[in-house]
Amino acid sequence: MGYGKWILGGAAVAVGGVGCFFAAPLIAAAAGGAGLLGAASTGTAIGTLSGAALTNASLAACGGGALAAGGGGMAAGTTVIAAGGAAISGAATVGGAATVEKIKKDS
C-alpha cells in the first residue's frame, strides 16, 4: 500500500468539502423543497417555502435549527453539508484507488 491513494484521498476531501461548501445552499434547498426537513422555526413547512426563504430555512434546519431557537443556524447547516461532502469525497476516492490497486495487482 502506497501513500499515493491517501494523498489523493486528502485532495478529494479538500475539493469535496470546498465544492459542497459553495453548493450547500442548493443542496439544502433541494432537501427542503423535497419535504425532507420538516418545519422552519416559524412553524411553516419548509417544503412550502420558495426562494431565499426556502434556502435559509433549509440551511438552518441542517444546522440544528435557527439561532433564535438555540440551533446552529445557517452557518452550521453550511458546515454540516460541507463536512458531509468532504467525507463522502474522501471515502469514495480512497475506496476507488484501493479498488484500482487491487485490480492491477490481480491482473
N, C-alpha and C. Protein backbone atom coordinates (compact mmCIF):
# COMPACT_ATOMS: atom_id res chain seq x y z
N MET A 1 0.84 -1.19 0.00
CA MET A 1 0.00 0.00 0.00
C MET A 1 0.87 1.24 0.00
N GLY A 2 0.72 2.04 -1.04
CA GLY A 2 1.50 3.27 -1.13
C GLY A 2 0.75 4.43 -0.50
N TYR A 3 1.49 5.53 -0.43
CA TYR A 3 0.89 6.74 0.14
C TYR A 3 0.05 7.50 -0.89
N GLY A 4 0.19 7.13 -2.15
CA GLY A 4 -0.49 7.85 -3.22
C GLY A 4 -1.99 7.95 -3.04
N LYS A 5 -2.62 6.83 -2.68
CA LYS A 5 -4.08 6.88 -2.55
C LYS A 5 -4.52 7.73 -1.36
N TRP A 6 -3.68 7.81 -0.32
CA TRP A 6 -4.03 8.64 0.82
C TRP A 6 -3.88 10.12 0.48
N ILE A 7 -2.85 10.44 -0.32
CA ILE A 7 -2.68 11.81 -0.77
C ILE A 7 -3.85 12.20 -1.68
N LEU A 8 -4.19 11.28 -2.58
CA LEU A 8 -5.33 11.51 -3.47
C LEU A 8 -6.62 11.68 -2.65
N GLY A 9 -6.79 10.86 -1.61
CA GLY A 9 -7.96 10.97 -0.74
C GLY A 9 -8.00 12.30 -0.02
N GLY A 10 -6.83 12.77 0.45
CA GLY A 10 -6.77 14.07 1.12
C GLY A 10 -7.15 15.20 0.19
N ALA A 11 -6.67 15.11 -1.06
CA ALA A 11 -7.03 16.13 -2.04
C ALA A 11 -8.53 16.09 -2.32
N ALA A 12 -9.10 14.90 -2.40
CA ALA A 12 -10.54 14.77 -2.65
C ALA A 12 -11.35 15.33 -1.50
N VAL A 13 -10.88 15.14 -0.27
CA VAL A 13 -11.57 15.70 0.89
C VAL A 13 -11.60 17.22 0.78
N ALA A 14 -10.46 17.81 0.42
CA ALA A 14 -10.39 19.27 0.30
C ALA A 14 -11.31 19.77 -0.81
N VAL A 15 -11.22 19.15 -1.97
CA VAL A 15 -12.04 19.59 -3.10
C VAL A 15 -13.52 19.34 -2.83
N GLY A 16 -13.84 18.15 -2.30
CA GLY A 16 -15.24 17.84 -1.99
C GLY A 16 -15.82 18.77 -0.95
N GLY A 17 -15.03 19.09 0.06
CA GLY A 17 -15.50 19.99 1.11
C GLY A 17 -15.75 21.39 0.59
N VAL A 18 -14.82 21.89 -0.23
CA VAL A 18 -14.98 23.23 -0.80
C VAL A 18 -16.17 23.25 -1.76
N GLY A 19 -16.26 22.22 -2.59
CA GLY A 19 -17.38 22.15 -3.53
C GLY A 19 -18.72 22.14 -2.83
N CYS A 20 -18.83 21.33 -1.79
CA CYS A 20 -20.10 21.26 -1.05
C CYS A 20 -20.36 22.53 -0.25
N PHE A 21 -19.30 23.21 0.17
CA PHE A 21 -19.48 24.48 0.89
C PHE A 21 -20.20 25.47 -0.02
N PHE A 22 -19.74 25.57 -1.26
CA PHE A 22 -20.37 26.51 -2.19
C PHE A 22 -21.72 26.00 -2.69
N ALA A 23 -21.91 24.69 -2.72
CA ALA A 23 -23.17 24.11 -3.19
C ALA A 23 -24.17 23.93 -2.04
N ALA A 24 -23.77 24.21 -0.82
CA ALA A 24 -24.63 23.97 0.35
C ALA A 24 -26.02 24.60 0.22
N PRO A 25 -26.14 25.86 -0.23
CA PRO A 25 -27.49 26.42 -0.36
C PRO A 25 -28.36 25.62 -1.33
N LEU A 26 -27.77 25.17 -2.44
CA LEU A 26 -28.55 24.38 -3.41
C LEU A 26 -28.93 23.02 -2.85
N ILE A 27 -27.97 22.38 -2.17
CA ILE A 27 -28.23 21.06 -1.59
C ILE A 27 -29.32 21.16 -0.52
N ALA A 28 -29.19 22.15 0.36
CA ALA A 28 -30.18 22.33 1.43
C ALA A 28 -31.55 22.66 0.86
N ALA A 29 -31.59 23.54 -0.13
CA ALA A 29 -32.87 23.93 -0.72
C ALA A 29 -33.54 22.73 -1.41
N ALA A 30 -32.72 21.89 -2.04
CA ALA A 30 -33.29 20.69 -2.68
C ALA A 30 -33.89 19.76 -1.64
N ALA A 31 -33.20 19.57 -0.53
CA ALA A 31 -33.72 18.70 0.53
C ALA A 31 -34.97 19.32 1.16
N GLY A 32 -34.94 20.63 1.38
CA GLY A 32 -36.10 21.30 1.96
C GLY A 32 -37.29 21.30 1.03
N GLY A 33 -37.05 21.56 -0.24
CA GLY A 33 -38.12 21.56 -1.23
C GLY A 33 -38.76 20.20 -1.41
N ALA A 34 -37.96 19.15 -1.16
CA ALA A 34 -38.48 17.79 -1.27
C ALA A 34 -39.25 17.37 -0.02
N GLY A 35 -39.31 18.24 0.97
CA GLY A 35 -40.06 17.94 2.19
C GLY A 35 -39.29 17.08 3.19
N LEU A 36 -37.97 17.03 3.07
CA LEU A 36 -37.17 16.18 3.95
C LEU A 36 -36.78 16.83 5.27
N LEU A 37 -37.03 18.14 5.42
CA LEU A 37 -36.51 18.85 6.59
C LEU A 37 -37.55 19.32 7.59
N GLY A 38 -38.79 19.02 7.38
CA GLY A 38 -39.81 19.38 8.37
C GLY A 38 -40.25 20.82 8.29
N ALA A 39 -40.24 21.50 9.44
CA ALA A 39 -40.76 22.86 9.52
C ALA A 39 -39.68 23.86 9.87
N ALA A 40 -39.87 25.08 9.41
CA ALA A 40 -38.97 26.18 9.76
C ALA A 40 -39.23 26.60 11.21
N SER A 41 -38.38 27.48 11.73
CA SER A 41 -38.57 27.94 13.11
C SER A 41 -39.87 28.70 13.29
N THR A 42 -40.46 29.16 12.19
CA THR A 42 -41.74 29.87 12.26
C THR A 42 -42.93 28.92 12.33
N GLY A 43 -42.67 27.63 12.12
CA GLY A 43 -43.73 26.64 12.11
C GLY A 43 -44.23 26.31 10.72
N THR A 44 -43.78 27.05 9.73
CA THR A 44 -44.19 26.81 8.34
C THR A 44 -43.43 25.60 7.79
N ALA A 45 -44.10 24.73 7.08
CA ALA A 45 -43.44 23.58 6.46
C ALA A 45 -42.42 24.09 5.45
N ILE A 46 -41.17 23.63 5.57
CA ILE A 46 -40.10 24.10 4.68
C ILE A 46 -40.43 23.80 3.23
N GLY A 47 -41.07 22.69 2.97
CA GLY A 47 -41.42 22.31 1.60
C GLY A 47 -42.36 23.28 0.91
N THR A 48 -43.06 24.13 1.68
CA THR A 48 -43.99 25.09 1.07
C THR A 48 -43.32 26.43 0.79
N LEU A 49 -42.09 26.61 1.22
CA LEU A 49 -41.38 27.86 1.01
C LEU A 49 -40.73 27.88 -0.37
N SER A 50 -40.27 29.06 -0.78
CA SER A 50 -39.56 29.17 -2.06
C SER A 50 -38.50 30.26 -1.94
N GLY A 51 -37.59 30.27 -2.91
CA GLY A 51 -36.57 31.30 -2.97
C GLY A 51 -35.65 31.33 -1.77
N ALA A 52 -35.32 32.56 -1.35
CA ALA A 52 -34.39 32.75 -0.24
C ALA A 52 -34.92 32.17 1.06
N ALA A 53 -36.23 32.24 1.26
CA ALA A 53 -36.81 31.68 2.49
C ALA A 53 -36.59 30.17 2.56
N LEU A 54 -36.75 29.48 1.41
CA LEU A 54 -36.51 28.03 1.35
C LEU A 54 -35.05 27.72 1.65
N THR A 55 -34.14 28.45 1.01
CA THR A 55 -32.71 28.21 1.22
C THR A 55 -32.31 28.46 2.66
N ASN A 56 -32.71 29.59 3.21
CA ASN A 56 -32.32 29.94 4.58
C ASN A 56 -32.90 28.97 5.60
N ALA A 57 -34.17 28.63 5.46
CA ALA A 57 -34.80 27.71 6.41
C ALA A 57 -34.17 26.32 6.30
N SER A 58 -33.84 25.91 5.08
CA SER A 58 -33.24 24.59 4.88
C SER A 58 -31.85 24.52 5.48
N LEU A 59 -31.04 25.57 5.26
CA LEU A 59 -29.70 25.59 5.87
C LEU A 59 -29.79 25.59 7.39
N ALA A 60 -30.71 26.38 7.93
CA ALA A 60 -30.88 26.41 9.39
C ALA A 60 -31.31 25.04 9.92
N ALA A 61 -32.21 24.36 9.20
CA ALA A 61 -32.65 23.04 9.64
C ALA A 61 -31.49 22.05 9.63
N CYS A 62 -30.65 22.12 8.61
CA CYS A 62 -29.47 21.24 8.55
C CYS A 62 -28.49 21.54 9.67
N GLY A 63 -28.51 22.79 10.16
CA GLY A 63 -27.62 23.20 11.24
C GLY A 63 -28.22 23.04 12.63
N GLY A 64 -29.33 22.34 12.74
CA GLY A 64 -29.92 22.09 14.05
C GLY A 64 -31.00 23.08 14.44
N GLY A 65 -31.38 23.94 13.54
CA GLY A 65 -32.44 24.91 13.82
C GLY A 65 -31.92 26.33 13.80
N ALA A 66 -32.83 27.26 13.91
CA ALA A 66 -32.48 28.68 13.88
C ALA A 66 -31.67 29.06 15.12
N LEU A 67 -30.84 30.08 14.97
CA LEU A 67 -30.07 30.58 16.13
C LEU A 67 -30.99 31.00 17.27
N ALA A 68 -32.09 31.66 16.91
CA ALA A 68 -33.04 32.14 17.93
C ALA A 68 -33.68 31.00 18.71
N ALA A 69 -33.73 29.82 18.10
CA ALA A 69 -34.32 28.65 18.76
C ALA A 69 -33.25 27.78 19.44
N GLY A 70 -32.01 28.26 19.45
CA GLY A 70 -30.94 27.52 20.11
C GLY A 70 -30.16 26.59 19.20
N GLY A 71 -30.44 26.64 17.91
CA GLY A 71 -29.71 25.80 16.96
C GLY A 71 -28.46 26.48 16.44
N GLY A 72 -27.82 25.87 15.49
CA GLY A 72 -26.60 26.41 14.93
C GLY A 72 -26.82 27.38 13.79
N GLY A 73 -28.04 27.44 13.28
CA GLY A 73 -28.35 28.38 12.22
C GLY A 73 -27.82 27.97 10.86
N MET A 74 -27.84 28.94 9.95
CA MET A 74 -27.44 28.69 8.57
C MET A 74 -25.96 28.37 8.45
N ALA A 75 -25.12 29.00 9.24
CA ALA A 75 -23.68 28.74 9.17
C ALA A 75 -23.38 27.30 9.55
N ALA A 76 -24.02 26.82 10.59
CA ALA A 76 -23.82 25.42 10.99
C ALA A 76 -24.35 24.47 9.93
N GLY A 77 -25.46 24.82 9.29
CA GLY A 77 -26.00 23.99 8.22
C GLY A 77 -25.05 23.89 7.05
N THR A 78 -24.42 25.02 6.70
CA THR A 78 -23.44 25.02 5.62
C THR A 78 -22.25 24.14 6.00
N THR A 79 -21.81 24.22 7.25
CA THR A 79 -20.68 23.41 7.72
C THR A 79 -21.02 21.94 7.69
N VAL A 80 -22.21 21.58 8.11
CA VAL A 80 -22.63 20.17 8.11
C VAL A 80 -22.62 19.61 6.70
N ILE A 81 -23.16 20.36 5.75
CA ILE A 81 -23.21 19.89 4.37
C ILE A 81 -21.80 19.79 3.78
N ALA A 82 -20.95 20.79 4.04
CA ALA A 82 -19.58 20.76 3.51
C ALA A 82 -18.80 19.60 4.10
N ALA A 83 -18.95 19.35 5.41
CA ALA A 83 -18.24 18.24 6.05
C ALA A 83 -18.71 16.90 5.50
N GLY A 84 -20.00 16.78 5.27
CA GLY A 84 -20.53 15.55 4.68
C GLY A 84 -19.99 15.32 3.28
N GLY A 85 -19.92 16.38 2.50
CA GLY A 85 -19.36 16.27 1.15
C GLY A 85 -17.90 15.90 1.16
N ALA A 86 -17.15 16.46 2.11
CA ALA A 86 -15.73 16.14 2.22
C ALA A 86 -15.54 14.68 2.59
N ALA A 87 -16.32 14.20 3.54
CA ALA A 87 -16.19 12.81 3.97
C ALA A 87 -16.54 11.83 2.85
N ILE A 88 -17.61 12.12 2.15
CA ILE A 88 -18.02 11.24 1.05
C ILE A 88 -16.99 11.26 -0.07
N SER A 89 -16.48 12.44 -0.41
CA SER A 89 -15.47 12.55 -1.48
C SER A 89 -14.21 11.78 -1.13
N GLY A 90 -13.74 11.95 0.09
CA GLY A 90 -12.53 11.25 0.52
C GLY A 90 -12.69 9.75 0.54
N ALA A 91 -13.80 9.29 1.09
CA ALA A 91 -14.05 7.85 1.17
C ALA A 91 -14.18 7.23 -0.21
N ALA A 92 -14.88 7.90 -1.09
CA ALA A 92 -15.07 7.38 -2.44
C ALA A 92 -13.74 7.33 -3.19
N THR A 93 -12.92 8.34 -3.02
CA THR A 93 -11.64 8.38 -3.72
C THR A 93 -10.68 7.32 -3.20
N VAL A 94 -10.56 7.20 -1.89
CA VAL A 94 -9.66 6.18 -1.32
C VAL A 94 -10.17 4.79 -1.67
N GLY A 95 -11.47 4.59 -1.58
CA GLY A 95 -12.04 3.29 -1.96
C GLY A 95 -11.82 2.96 -3.42
N GLY A 96 -11.99 3.96 -4.28
CA GLY A 96 -11.76 3.76 -5.70
C GLY A 96 -10.30 3.46 -6.00
N ALA A 97 -9.39 4.19 -5.34
CA ALA A 97 -7.96 3.96 -5.54
C ALA A 97 -7.57 2.56 -5.07
N ALA A 98 -8.13 2.12 -3.95
CA ALA A 98 -7.84 0.78 -3.45
C ALA A 98 -8.37 -0.29 -4.40
N THR A 99 -9.52 -0.05 -4.99
CA THR A 99 -10.09 -1.00 -5.96
C THR A 99 -9.22 -1.09 -7.20
N VAL A 100 -8.78 0.06 -7.70
CA VAL A 100 -7.91 0.05 -8.88
C VAL A 100 -6.59 -0.66 -8.58
N GLU A 101 -6.05 -0.40 -7.39
CA GLU A 101 -4.81 -1.08 -6.97
C GLU A 101 -5.00 -2.59 -6.93
N LYS A 102 -6.13 -3.04 -6.40
CA LYS A 102 -6.43 -4.47 -6.31
C LYS A 102 -6.58 -5.08 -7.70
N ILE A 103 -7.26 -4.38 -8.60
CA ILE A 103 -7.45 -4.88 -9.97
C ILE A 103 -6.11 -5.00 -10.67
N LYS A 104 -5.24 -3.98 -10.50
CA LYS A 104 -3.92 -4.04 -11.13
C LYS A 104 -3.11 -5.20 -10.57
N LYS A 105 -3.21 -5.41 -9.29
CA LYS A 105 -2.45 -6.48 -8.62
C LYS A 105 -2.92 -7.86 -9.10
N ASP A 106 -4.24 -8.01 -9.30
CA ASP A 106 -4.80 -9.29 -9.71
C ASP A 106 -4.63 -9.58 -11.20
N SER A 107 -4.33 -8.54 -11.98
CA SER A 107 -4.21 -8.71 -13.44
C SER A 107 -2.86 -9.25 -13.84
